[in-house]
Amino acid sequence: MDKPEIIDHYYPGLSTIQQKQFALLGPLYKEWNEKINVISRKDIDNLYINHILHSLGIGKVISFKAGAEILDVGTGGGFPGIPLAILFPEANFHLVDSIGKKITVVNAVAEGLGLKNVKAQQARVEETRGTYDFIVSRAVARMQEFYSWVKNKSKKESRHNLDNGILYLKGGDLDEELDELKKPYALYSLSDYFQEVFFETKKVVFIPL
């Protein structure tokens, strides 16, 4: 069922505004994807499961508090940042990508949804300033390389149930990558939260910073 109702199924208790925003995501991305291809043609038909619900897997691991600052690195068309910004309207999201046309889509979607808690920037993560409670991303690089990009981006004081750090969406066998990193980590299997076949090998990797 690749429809907005799948979000209600896994996240009951959304406000009417959130439900409307999630319902709007499908048409907005389809419209923009025809102008600027940020999601593969095959995947656009599975947008709610493969992109939106996948992004919201982070929301099963942590609830961002009001005022939390989250950096989304290599956001592409806005994942996981845009779905998380809908789910956590009182947290602030800074979405960065080095490709300008992707940021064009992010800005248009955020504006179309009326999201006030999203800032998008065309930049490499090394060029961004500031520190954050959490850095989120979807498989933009090997863990060791990603860690080197963001290791100085974390605020010192933690105020969530997890220490400040990286929340990384990645699939498949991660043992080699995580051994190579030589840092403490925790793995959360998304198949524990979502029953769709897509999530069988998908995980959230948490690495404290």
N, C-alpha and C. Protein backbone atom coordinates (compact mmCIF):
# COMPACT_ATOMS: atom_id res chain seq x y z
N MET A 1 0.86 -1.20 0.00
CA MET A 1 0.00 0.00 0.00
C MET A 1 0.89 1.24 0.00
N ASP A 2 1.19 1.77 -1.17
CA ASP A 2 2.04 2.96 -1.21
C ASP A 2 1.16 4.20 -1.27
N LYS A 3 0.54 4.50 -0.13
CA LYS A 3 -0.37 5.66 -0.04
C LYS A 3 -0.12 6.35 1.29
N PRO A 4 -0.61 7.58 1.43
CA PRO A 4 -0.38 8.31 2.70
C PRO A 4 -0.92 7.57 3.92
N GLU A 5 -1.93 6.73 3.73
CA GLU A 5 -2.51 6.00 4.87
C GLU A 5 -1.49 5.14 5.59
N ILE A 6 -0.45 4.73 4.88
CA ILE A 6 0.56 3.88 5.52
C ILE A 6 1.28 4.65 6.64
N ILE A 7 1.39 5.95 6.48
CA ILE A 7 2.01 6.78 7.54
C ILE A 7 1.12 6.79 8.77
N ASP A 8 -0.20 6.98 8.57
CA ASP A 8 -1.14 6.95 9.70
C ASP A 8 -1.08 5.61 10.43
N HIS A 9 -0.89 4.53 9.65
CA HIS A 9 -0.86 3.18 10.23
C HIS A 9 0.30 3.05 11.23
N TYR A 10 1.47 3.54 10.84
CA TYR A 10 2.65 3.40 11.70
C TYR A 10 2.84 4.56 12.67
N TYR A 11 2.20 5.69 12.38
CA TYR A 11 2.29 6.86 13.25
C TYR A 11 0.89 7.37 13.56
N PRO A 12 0.13 6.61 14.36
CA PRO A 12 -1.20 7.08 14.72
C PRO A 12 -1.09 8.33 15.60
N GLY A 13 -2.12 9.16 15.58
CA GLY A 13 -2.09 10.34 16.43
C GLY A 13 -1.49 11.57 15.79
N LEU A 14 -1.27 11.53 14.47
CA LEU A 14 -0.80 12.74 13.79
C LEU A 14 -1.89 13.80 13.79
N SER A 15 -1.48 15.06 13.80
CA SER A 15 -2.46 16.13 13.73
C SER A 15 -3.04 16.20 12.31
N THR A 16 -4.16 16.92 12.17
CA THR A 16 -4.77 17.09 10.85
C THR A 16 -3.79 17.75 9.89
N ILE A 17 -3.03 18.72 10.38
CA ILE A 17 -2.04 19.40 9.53
C ILE A 17 -0.99 18.41 9.04
N GLN A 18 -0.47 17.58 9.95
CA GLN A 18 0.55 16.60 9.56
C GLN A 18 -0.02 15.61 8.53
N GLN A 19 -1.25 15.16 8.75
CA GLN A 19 -1.87 14.23 7.80
C GLN A 19 -1.98 14.86 6.41
N LYS A 20 -2.37 16.13 6.39
CA LYS A 20 -2.48 16.84 5.10
C LYS A 20 -1.11 16.98 4.44
N GLN A 21 -0.10 17.30 5.25
CA GLN A 21 1.25 17.48 4.69
C GLN A 21 1.77 16.17 4.10
N PHE A 22 1.58 15.08 4.81
CA PHE A 22 2.02 13.78 4.27
C PHE A 22 1.25 13.42 3.00
N ALA A 23 -0.04 13.73 2.98
CA ALA A 23 -0.85 13.45 1.78
C ALA A 23 -0.37 14.27 0.58
N LEU A 24 0.09 15.50 0.85
CA LEU A 24 0.58 16.38 -0.22
C LEU A 24 1.94 15.97 -0.76
N LEU A 25 2.71 15.24 0.02
CA LEU A 25 4.07 14.90 -0.40
C LEU A 25 4.09 14.14 -1.73
N GLY A 26 3.19 13.18 -1.88
CA GLY A 26 3.15 12.37 -3.10
C GLY A 26 2.96 13.23 -4.35
N PRO A 27 1.87 14.02 -4.43
CA PRO A 27 1.67 14.87 -5.60
C PRO A 27 2.79 15.88 -5.83
N LEU A 28 3.32 16.46 -4.74
CA LEU A 28 4.40 17.45 -4.89
C LEU A 28 5.65 16.83 -5.50
N TYR A 29 6.04 15.67 -4.98
CA TYR A 29 7.25 15.03 -5.51
C TYR A 29 7.05 14.54 -6.94
N LYS A 30 5.85 14.04 -7.24
CA LYS A 30 5.60 13.59 -8.62
C LYS A 30 5.68 14.77 -9.59
N GLU A 31 5.11 15.89 -9.18
CA GLU A 31 5.13 17.08 -10.03
C GLU A 31 6.58 17.57 -10.24
N TRP A 32 7.35 17.67 -9.15
CA TRP A 32 8.72 18.18 -9.27
C TRP A 32 9.65 17.18 -9.93
N ASN A 33 9.38 15.90 -9.74
CA ASN A 33 10.25 14.88 -10.33
C ASN A 33 10.18 14.88 -11.86
N GLU A 34 9.07 15.36 -12.39
CA GLU A 34 8.96 15.46 -13.85
C GLU A 34 9.81 16.62 -14.39
N LYS A 35 10.02 17.63 -13.54
CA LYS A 35 10.85 18.78 -13.96
C LYS A 35 12.33 18.52 -13.67
N ILE A 36 12.59 18.03 -12.48
CA ILE A 36 13.97 17.78 -12.03
C ILE A 36 13.99 16.38 -11.43
N ASN A 37 14.68 15.48 -12.08
CA ASN A 37 14.64 14.08 -11.67
C ASN A 37 15.51 13.84 -10.42
N VAL A 38 14.87 13.78 -9.26
CA VAL A 38 15.61 13.52 -8.02
C VAL A 38 15.33 12.13 -7.45
N ILE A 39 14.28 11.49 -7.96
CA ILE A 39 13.91 10.14 -7.53
C ILE A 39 13.76 9.30 -8.80
N SER A 40 14.28 8.07 -8.79
CA SER A 40 14.20 7.26 -10.01
C SER A 40 12.74 7.03 -10.38
N ARG A 41 12.49 6.87 -11.68
CA ARG A 41 11.12 6.68 -12.18
C ARG A 41 10.44 5.51 -11.49
N LYS A 42 11.20 4.43 -11.31
CA LYS A 42 10.66 3.22 -10.68
C LYS A 42 10.27 3.50 -9.22
N ASP A 43 11.13 4.29 -8.55
CA ASP A 43 10.93 4.54 -7.13
C ASP A 43 9.80 5.53 -6.83
N ILE A 44 9.50 6.40 -7.77
CA ILE A 44 8.47 7.42 -7.51
C ILE A 44 7.12 6.75 -7.24
N ASP A 45 6.91 5.55 -7.81
CA ASP A 45 5.67 4.81 -7.57
C ASP A 45 5.65 4.16 -6.18
N ASN A 46 6.82 4.09 -5.56
CA ASN A 46 6.90 3.53 -4.20
C ASN A 46 7.38 4.59 -3.21
N LEU A 47 6.99 5.84 -3.48
CA LEU A 47 7.51 6.97 -2.71
C LEU A 47 7.22 6.85 -1.21
N TYR A 48 5.99 6.47 -0.86
CA TYR A 48 5.61 6.47 0.55
C TYR A 48 6.36 5.41 1.35
N ILE A 49 6.62 4.24 0.75
CA ILE A 49 7.35 3.20 1.48
C ILE A 49 8.85 3.42 1.39
N ASN A 50 9.37 3.54 0.16
CA ASN A 50 10.82 3.53 -0.06
C ASN A 50 11.52 4.82 0.37
N HIS A 51 10.79 5.92 0.44
CA HIS A 51 11.42 7.20 0.77
C HIS A 51 10.84 7.83 2.03
N ILE A 52 9.53 7.99 2.08
CA ILE A 52 8.93 8.71 3.22
C ILE A 52 8.96 7.86 4.48
N LEU A 53 8.42 6.64 4.40
CA LEU A 53 8.41 5.78 5.59
C LEU A 53 9.83 5.40 5.99
N HIS A 54 10.68 5.16 5.00
CA HIS A 54 12.09 4.85 5.30
C HIS A 54 12.72 6.00 6.10
N SER A 55 12.49 7.23 5.66
CA SER A 55 13.01 8.39 6.39
C SER A 55 12.49 8.43 7.83
N LEU A 56 11.21 8.08 7.98
CA LEU A 56 10.57 8.14 9.30
C LEU A 56 11.02 7.01 10.22
N GLY A 57 11.81 6.09 9.69
CA GLY A 57 12.40 5.05 10.55
C GLY A 57 13.21 5.67 11.68
N ILE A 58 13.83 6.81 11.42
CA ILE A 58 14.60 7.51 12.47
C ILE A 58 13.66 7.91 13.62
N GLY A 59 12.41 8.24 13.27
CA GLY A 59 11.42 8.62 14.29
C GLY A 59 10.97 7.47 15.16
N LYS A 60 11.32 6.22 14.80
CA LYS A 60 11.05 5.07 15.67
C LYS A 60 12.17 4.88 16.69
N VAL A 61 13.33 5.46 16.39
CA VAL A 61 14.50 5.32 17.26
C VAL A 61 14.60 6.46 18.26
N ILE A 62 14.13 7.64 17.85
CA ILE A 62 14.25 8.83 18.71
C ILE A 62 13.09 9.79 18.43
N SER A 63 12.67 10.50 19.46
CA SER A 63 11.72 11.61 19.29
C SER A 63 12.49 12.91 19.51
N PHE A 64 12.63 13.69 18.45
CA PHE A 64 13.36 14.95 18.59
C PHE A 64 12.55 15.93 19.44
N LYS A 65 13.22 16.56 20.37
CA LYS A 65 12.55 17.50 21.28
C LYS A 65 12.38 18.87 20.62
N ALA A 66 11.47 19.66 21.18
CA ALA A 66 11.28 21.04 20.70
C ALA A 66 12.61 21.78 20.77
N GLY A 67 12.94 22.48 19.68
CA GLY A 67 14.18 23.25 19.64
C GLY A 67 15.40 22.46 19.22
N ALA A 68 15.26 21.14 19.03
CA ALA A 68 16.40 20.33 18.59
C ALA A 68 16.87 20.80 17.21
N GLU A 69 18.17 20.74 17.00
CA GLU A 69 18.77 21.15 15.72
C GLU A 69 19.30 19.89 15.03
N ILE A 70 18.81 19.65 13.80
CA ILE A 70 19.19 18.45 13.06
C ILE A 70 19.74 18.84 11.70
N LEU A 71 20.90 18.27 11.36
CA LEU A 71 21.53 18.49 10.06
C LEU A 71 21.32 17.25 9.19
N ASP A 72 20.76 17.44 8.00
CA ASP A 72 20.55 16.35 7.05
C ASP A 72 21.59 16.52 5.93
N VAL A 73 22.53 15.59 5.86
CA VAL A 73 23.67 15.68 4.95
C VAL A 73 23.40 14.87 3.68
N GLY A 74 23.60 15.52 2.52
CA GLY A 74 23.33 14.84 1.25
C GLY A 74 21.86 14.52 1.11
N THR A 75 21.02 15.50 1.38
CA THR A 75 19.58 15.29 1.48
C THR A 75 18.92 14.88 0.17
N GLY A 76 19.60 15.11 -0.96
CA GLY A 76 18.97 14.78 -2.25
C GLY A 76 17.72 15.62 -2.43
N GLY A 77 16.59 14.96 -2.67
CA GLY A 77 15.32 15.68 -2.81
C GLY A 77 14.65 16.03 -1.49
N GLY A 78 15.32 15.73 -0.37
CA GLY A 78 14.75 16.10 0.94
C GLY A 78 14.53 14.93 1.88
N PHE A 79 15.33 13.87 1.73
CA PHE A 79 15.17 12.69 2.58
C PHE A 79 16.46 12.40 3.33
N PRO A 80 16.35 12.18 4.64
CA PRO A 80 15.14 12.02 5.45
C PRO A 80 14.56 13.32 6.01
N GLY A 81 15.16 14.48 5.70
CA GLY A 81 14.81 15.71 6.41
C GLY A 81 13.37 16.16 6.31
N ILE A 82 12.78 16.15 5.10
CA ILE A 82 11.41 16.68 4.96
C ILE A 82 10.38 15.83 5.73
N PRO A 83 10.36 14.50 5.56
CA PRO A 83 9.40 13.72 6.36
C PRO A 83 9.60 13.90 7.86
N LEU A 84 10.86 13.98 8.30
CA LEU A 84 11.12 14.18 9.74
C LEU A 84 10.67 15.56 10.21
N ALA A 85 10.79 16.56 9.34
CA ALA A 85 10.35 17.92 9.70
C ALA A 85 8.82 17.97 9.86
N ILE A 86 8.11 17.15 9.10
CA ILE A 86 6.65 17.06 9.28
C ILE A 86 6.34 16.36 10.61
N LEU A 87 7.07 15.27 10.87
CA LEU A 87 6.80 14.47 12.08
C LEU A 87 7.16 15.24 13.35
N PHE A 88 8.20 16.06 13.28
CA PHE A 88 8.67 16.81 14.46
C PHE A 88 8.65 18.31 14.15
N PRO A 89 7.46 18.92 14.14
CA PRO A 89 7.34 20.32 13.71
C PRO A 89 8.02 21.32 14.63
N GLU A 90 8.37 20.92 15.85
CA GLU A 90 9.00 21.86 16.78
C GLU A 90 10.53 21.73 16.79
N ALA A 91 11.06 20.80 15.99
CA ALA A 91 12.52 20.69 15.82
C ALA A 91 12.91 21.44 14.55
N ASN A 92 14.18 21.80 14.44
CA ASN A 92 14.67 22.58 13.30
C ASN A 92 15.59 21.73 12.44
N PHE A 93 15.37 21.78 11.13
CA PHE A 93 16.12 20.92 10.20
C PHE A 93 16.88 21.76 9.18
N HIS A 94 18.16 21.46 9.06
CA HIS A 94 19.04 22.13 8.09
C HIS A 94 19.43 21.07 7.06
N LEU A 95 18.93 21.20 5.84
CA LEU A 95 19.14 20.21 4.79
C LEU A 95 20.20 20.72 3.83
N VAL A 96 21.26 19.94 3.64
CA VAL A 96 22.32 20.37 2.72
C VAL A 96 22.58 19.33 1.65
N ASP A 97 22.88 19.82 0.47
CA ASP A 97 23.29 18.97 -0.65
C ASP A 97 24.17 19.81 -1.56
N SER A 98 25.15 19.18 -2.19
CA SER A 98 26.07 19.95 -3.04
C SER A 98 25.47 20.24 -4.41
N ILE A 99 24.33 19.60 -4.74
CA ILE A 99 23.73 19.77 -6.07
C ILE A 99 22.55 20.74 -6.00
N GLY A 100 22.69 21.85 -6.71
CA GLY A 100 21.72 22.94 -6.61
C GLY A 100 20.31 22.56 -6.99
N LYS A 101 20.14 21.75 -8.05
CA LYS A 101 18.78 21.43 -8.49
C LYS A 101 18.02 20.60 -7.44
N LYS A 102 18.77 19.84 -6.65
CA LYS A 102 18.11 19.07 -5.58
C LYS A 102 17.61 20.01 -4.49
N ILE A 103 18.40 21.04 -4.18
CA ILE A 103 17.98 22.02 -3.19
C ILE A 103 16.78 22.83 -3.70
N THR A 104 16.71 23.06 -5.01
CA THR A 104 15.54 23.71 -5.61
C THR A 104 14.27 22.92 -5.29
N VAL A 105 14.36 21.60 -5.43
CA VAL A 105 13.21 20.73 -5.13
C VAL A 105 12.87 20.78 -3.64
N VAL A 106 13.89 20.70 -2.81
CA VAL A 106 13.66 20.76 -1.35
C VAL A 106 12.93 22.04 -0.97
N ASN A 107 13.41 23.16 -1.47
CA ASN A 107 12.78 24.45 -1.15
C ASN A 107 11.33 24.51 -1.64
N ALA A 108 11.09 24.00 -2.84
CA ALA A 108 9.74 24.03 -3.40
C ALA A 108 8.79 23.14 -2.60
N VAL A 109 9.26 21.97 -2.22
CA VAL A 109 8.41 21.04 -1.44
C VAL A 109 8.13 21.63 -0.05
N ALA A 110 9.18 22.14 0.60
CA ALA A 110 8.99 22.73 1.94
C ALA A 110 8.00 23.90 1.88
N GLU A 111 8.11 24.70 0.83
CA GLU A 111 7.19 25.83 0.67
C GLU A 111 5.77 25.34 0.38
N GLY A 112 5.66 24.33 -0.47
CA GLY A 112 4.34 23.78 -0.80
C GLY A 112 3.63 23.18 0.40
N LEU A 113 4.41 22.70 1.37
CA LEU A 113 3.84 22.10 2.59
C LEU A 113 3.66 23.13 3.70
N GLY A 114 4.22 24.33 3.50
CA GLY A 114 4.16 25.34 4.56
C GLY A 114 5.06 25.03 5.73
N LEU A 115 6.18 24.33 5.49
CA LEU A 115 7.10 23.99 6.59
C LEU A 115 7.96 25.19 6.96
N LYS A 116 7.89 25.58 8.21
CA LYS A 116 8.67 26.73 8.70
C LYS A 116 9.95 26.27 9.41
N ASN A 117 10.11 24.97 9.58
CA ASN A 117 11.24 24.45 10.36
C ASN A 117 12.30 23.80 9.49
N VAL A 118 12.32 24.16 8.19
CA VAL A 118 13.29 23.60 7.24
C VAL A 118 14.10 24.73 6.61
N LYS A 119 15.42 24.59 6.67
CA LYS A 119 16.32 25.50 5.94
C LYS A 119 17.14 24.63 4.99
N ALA A 120 17.17 24.98 3.71
CA ALA A 120 17.92 24.19 2.73
C ALA A 120 19.08 25.01 2.20
N GLN A 121 20.21 24.33 1.94
CA GLN A 121 21.41 25.03 1.51
C GLN A 121 22.19 24.17 0.52
N GLN A 122 22.60 24.79 -0.59
CA GLN A 122 23.50 24.10 -1.51
C GLN A 122 24.92 24.27 -0.96
N ALA A 123 25.48 23.18 -0.47
CA ALA A 123 26.82 23.24 0.12
C ALA A 123 27.32 21.83 0.36
N ARG A 124 28.62 21.70 0.42
CA ARG A 124 29.21 20.48 0.97
C ARG A 124 29.16 20.61 2.49
N VAL A 125 29.04 19.49 3.18
CA VAL A 125 28.86 19.57 4.63
C VAL A 125 30.04 20.27 5.30
N GLU A 126 31.24 20.12 4.72
CA GLU A 126 32.43 20.75 5.31
C GLU A 126 32.32 22.28 5.29
N GLU A 127 31.47 22.81 4.42
CA GLU A 127 31.33 24.27 4.30
C GLU A 127 30.28 24.84 5.27
N THR A 128 29.52 23.97 5.90
CA THR A 128 28.45 24.46 6.79
C THR A 128 29.04 24.88 8.13
N ARG A 129 28.37 25.84 8.74
CA ARG A 129 28.80 26.30 10.07
C ARG A 129 27.78 25.85 11.11
N GLY A 130 28.18 25.85 12.36
CA GLY A 130 27.23 25.53 13.42
C GLY A 130 27.35 24.09 13.89
N THR A 131 26.70 23.82 15.02
CA THR A 131 26.68 22.47 15.59
C THR A 131 25.23 22.04 15.81
N TYR A 132 25.04 20.73 15.95
CA TYR A 132 23.69 20.15 15.92
C TYR A 132 23.56 19.07 16.99
N ASP A 133 22.30 18.80 17.35
CA ASP A 133 22.03 17.67 18.25
C ASP A 133 22.28 16.36 17.51
N PHE A 134 21.77 16.29 16.28
CA PHE A 134 21.93 15.05 15.51
C PHE A 134 22.23 15.37 14.05
N ILE A 135 23.00 14.48 13.44
CA ILE A 135 23.25 14.53 12.00
C ILE A 135 22.59 13.30 11.40
N VAL A 136 21.70 13.51 10.44
CA VAL A 136 20.98 12.40 9.81
C VAL A 136 21.38 12.30 8.34
N SER A 137 21.23 11.10 7.77
CA SER A 137 21.55 10.92 6.36
C SER A 137 21.06 9.55 5.89
N ARG A 138 20.97 9.43 4.55
CA ARG A 138 20.61 8.14 3.95
C ARG A 138 21.74 7.69 3.03
N ALA A 139 22.64 6.88 3.57
CA ALA A 139 23.63 6.15 2.77
C ALA A 139 24.31 6.98 1.69
N VAL A 140 24.88 8.12 2.06
CA VAL A 140 25.56 8.95 1.05
C VAL A 140 27.04 8.59 0.88
N ALA A 141 27.60 7.86 1.85
CA ALA A 141 29.03 7.49 1.78
C ALA A 141 29.27 6.34 2.74
N ARG A 142 30.46 5.74 2.65
CA ARG A 142 30.84 4.74 3.66
C ARG A 142 30.92 5.42 5.01
N MET A 143 30.66 4.64 6.05
CA MET A 143 30.53 5.21 7.39
C MET A 143 31.80 5.96 7.82
N GLN A 144 32.96 5.41 7.51
CA GLN A 144 34.21 6.05 7.96
C GLN A 144 34.37 7.43 7.32
N GLU A 145 34.04 7.51 6.03
CA GLU A 145 34.15 8.80 5.33
C GLU A 145 33.12 9.78 5.87
N PHE A 146 31.88 9.30 6.04
CA PHE A 146 30.82 10.17 6.55
C PHE A 146 31.19 10.71 7.93
N TYR A 147 31.69 9.83 8.78
CA TYR A 147 32.09 10.22 10.14
C TYR A 147 33.12 11.35 10.09
N SER A 148 34.08 11.24 9.17
CA SER A 148 35.13 12.27 9.09
C SER A 148 34.55 13.63 8.67
N TRP A 149 33.47 13.61 7.89
CA TRP A 149 32.84 14.88 7.46
C TRP A 149 32.15 15.60 8.62
N VAL A 150 31.55 14.82 9.53
CA VAL A 150 30.61 15.42 10.50
C VAL A 150 31.07 15.36 11.96
N LYS A 151 32.25 14.82 12.20
CA LYS A 151 32.66 14.55 13.59
C LYS A 151 32.74 15.81 14.45
N ASN A 152 32.90 16.98 13.81
CA ASN A 152 32.98 18.23 14.59
C ASN A 152 31.67 19.03 14.56
N LYS A 153 30.59 18.41 14.10
CA LYS A 153 29.32 19.13 13.92
C LYS A 153 28.35 18.93 15.09
N SER A 154 28.78 18.23 16.11
CA SER A 154 27.87 17.86 17.20
C SER A 154 27.95 18.83 18.38
N LYS A 155 26.78 19.20 18.92
CA LYS A 155 26.76 20.01 20.15
C LYS A 155 27.31 19.18 21.31
N LYS A 156 27.90 19.86 22.27
CA LYS A 156 28.52 19.14 23.39
C LYS A 156 27.47 18.58 24.36
N GLU A 157 26.40 19.33 24.58
CA GLU A 157 25.42 18.92 25.60
C GLU A 157 24.28 18.12 24.96
N SER A 158 24.05 16.92 25.48
CA SER A 158 22.96 16.07 24.98
C SER A 158 21.71 16.23 25.84
N ARG A 159 20.55 16.24 25.21
CA ARG A 159 19.31 16.35 25.98
C ARG A 159 18.22 15.40 25.50
N HIS A 160 18.62 14.36 24.77
CA HIS A 160 17.68 13.34 24.30
C HIS A 160 18.00 12.01 24.98
N ASN A 161 17.19 11.00 24.69
CA ASN A 161 17.46 9.69 25.29
C ASN A 161 18.71 9.04 24.69
N LEU A 162 19.13 9.50 23.52
CA LEU A 162 20.42 9.09 22.94
C LEU A 162 21.38 10.27 23.03
N ASP A 163 22.67 9.97 23.17
CA ASP A 163 23.67 11.04 23.11
C ASP A 163 23.64 11.68 21.73
N ASN A 164 24.08 12.92 21.65
CA ASN A 164 24.17 13.59 20.34
C ASN A 164 25.05 12.76 19.41
N GLY A 165 24.69 12.73 18.13
CA GLY A 165 25.50 11.95 17.21
C GLY A 165 24.85 11.78 15.85
N ILE A 166 25.24 10.70 15.17
CA ILE A 166 24.80 10.39 13.81
C ILE A 166 23.66 9.37 13.86
N LEU A 167 22.62 9.62 13.07
CA LEU A 167 21.56 8.64 12.83
C LEU A 167 21.53 8.40 11.32
N TYR A 168 21.99 7.23 10.91
CA TYR A 168 22.30 6.97 9.50
C TYR A 168 21.43 5.83 9.00
N LEU A 169 20.69 6.07 7.93
CA LEU A 169 19.84 5.03 7.34
C LEU A 169 20.66 4.26 6.30
N LYS A 170 20.77 2.96 6.51
CA LYS A 170 21.57 2.16 5.58
C LYS A 170 21.06 0.72 5.56
N GLY A 171 21.24 0.05 4.41
CA GLY A 171 20.77 -1.33 4.29
C GLY A 171 21.91 -2.30 4.08
N GLY A 172 21.58 -3.60 4.14
CA GLY A 172 22.55 -4.64 3.84
C GLY A 172 23.46 -4.99 5.00
N ASP A 173 24.54 -5.68 4.69
CA ASP A 173 25.49 -6.14 5.70
C ASP A 173 26.46 -5.01 6.03
N LEU A 174 26.42 -4.54 7.26
CA LEU A 174 27.20 -3.35 7.64
C LEU A 174 28.43 -3.68 8.47
N ASP A 175 28.65 -4.98 8.74
CA ASP A 175 29.71 -5.37 9.68
C ASP A 175 31.07 -4.81 9.28
N GLU A 176 31.43 -4.99 8.01
CA GLU A 176 32.76 -4.56 7.57
C GLU A 176 32.94 -3.05 7.71
N GLU A 177 31.90 -2.31 7.27
CA GLU A 177 31.97 -0.84 7.35
C GLU A 177 32.10 -0.35 8.78
N LEU A 178 31.35 -0.98 9.67
CA LEU A 178 31.35 -0.51 11.06
C LEU A 178 32.62 -0.95 11.79
N ASP A 179 33.16 -2.10 11.42
CA ASP A 179 34.45 -2.53 11.99
C ASP A 179 35.56 -1.57 11.58
N GLU A 180 35.51 -1.15 10.31
CA GLU A 180 36.48 -0.21 9.75
C GLU A 180 36.45 1.13 10.50
N LEU A 181 35.25 1.52 10.96
CA LEU A 181 35.09 2.81 11.64
C LEU A 181 35.77 2.84 13.00
N LYS A 182 35.76 1.68 13.70
CA LYS A 182 36.39 1.57 15.03
C LYS A 182 35.84 2.58 16.04
N LYS A 183 34.53 2.75 16.03
CA LYS A 183 33.84 3.63 16.99
C LYS A 183 32.66 2.87 17.58
N PRO A 184 32.20 3.25 18.80
CA PRO A 184 31.01 2.60 19.34
C PRO A 184 29.79 2.92 18.47
N TYR A 185 28.84 2.01 18.38
CA TYR A 185 27.64 2.23 17.58
C TYR A 185 26.51 1.34 18.09
N ALA A 186 25.31 1.64 17.66
CA ALA A 186 24.15 0.78 17.92
C ALA A 186 23.38 0.64 16.61
N LEU A 187 22.81 -0.54 16.38
CA LEU A 187 22.02 -0.80 15.17
C LEU A 187 20.56 -1.04 15.55
N TYR A 188 19.67 -0.43 14.80
CA TYR A 188 18.23 -0.64 14.98
C TYR A 188 17.67 -1.16 13.65
N SER A 189 17.11 -2.37 13.67
CA SER A 189 16.54 -2.96 12.44
C SER A 189 15.16 -2.39 12.19
N LEU A 190 14.95 -1.82 11.01
CA LEU A 190 13.64 -1.24 10.70
C LEU A 190 12.56 -2.31 10.52
N SER A 191 12.98 -3.56 10.30
CA SER A 191 12.00 -4.65 10.22
C SER A 191 11.33 -4.90 11.57
N ASP A 192 11.91 -4.38 12.66
CA ASP A 192 11.26 -4.48 13.98
C ASP A 192 10.08 -3.51 14.10
N TYR A 193 10.04 -2.51 13.22
CA TYR A 193 9.00 -1.47 13.30
C TYR A 193 8.03 -1.51 12.12
N PHE A 194 8.53 -1.90 10.95
CA PHE A 194 7.72 -1.88 9.72
C PHE A 194 7.68 -3.27 9.11
N GLN A 195 6.51 -3.70 8.65
CA GLN A 195 6.38 -5.09 8.16
C GLN A 195 6.64 -5.26 6.67
N GLU A 196 6.76 -4.17 5.91
CA GLU A 196 6.95 -4.29 4.46
C GLU A 196 8.30 -4.95 4.13
N VAL A 197 8.32 -5.72 3.03
CA VAL A 197 9.51 -6.46 2.61
C VAL A 197 10.70 -5.52 2.41
N PHE A 198 10.44 -4.31 1.93
CA PHE A 198 11.50 -3.31 1.68
C PHE A 198 12.41 -3.14 2.89
N PHE A 199 11.86 -3.30 4.11
CA PHE A 199 12.62 -2.98 5.33
C PHE A 199 13.39 -4.17 5.90
N GLU A 200 13.36 -5.31 5.23
CA GLU A 200 13.99 -6.52 5.79
C GLU A 200 15.46 -6.32 6.15
N THR A 201 16.21 -5.60 5.32
CA THR A 201 17.65 -5.43 5.59
C THR A 201 18.00 -3.99 5.98
N LYS A 202 16.98 -3.15 6.15
CA LYS A 202 17.24 -1.72 6.40
C LYS A 202 17.44 -1.46 7.90
N LYS A 203 18.38 -0.57 8.17
CA LYS A 203 18.72 -0.28 9.58
C LYS A 203 18.92 1.22 9.80
N VAL A 204 18.79 1.61 11.07
CA VAL A 204 19.28 2.92 11.52
C VAL A 204 20.56 2.64 12.31
N VAL A 205 21.65 3.28 11.88
CA VAL A 205 22.91 3.17 12.60
C VAL A 205 23.06 4.42 13.47
N PHE A 206 23.25 4.20 14.77
CA PHE A 206 23.48 5.33 15.68
C PHE A 206 24.96 5.32 16.11
N ILE A 207 25.62 6.45 15.91
CA ILE A 207 27.01 6.61 16.32
C ILE A 207 27.12 7.88 17.16
N PRO A 208 27.43 7.76 18.44
CA PRO A 208 27.56 8.98 19.26
C PRO A 208 28.79 9.78 18.81
N LEU A 209 28.70 11.10 18.95
CA LEU A 209 29.82 11.98 18.60
C LEU A 209 30.33 12.71 19.83
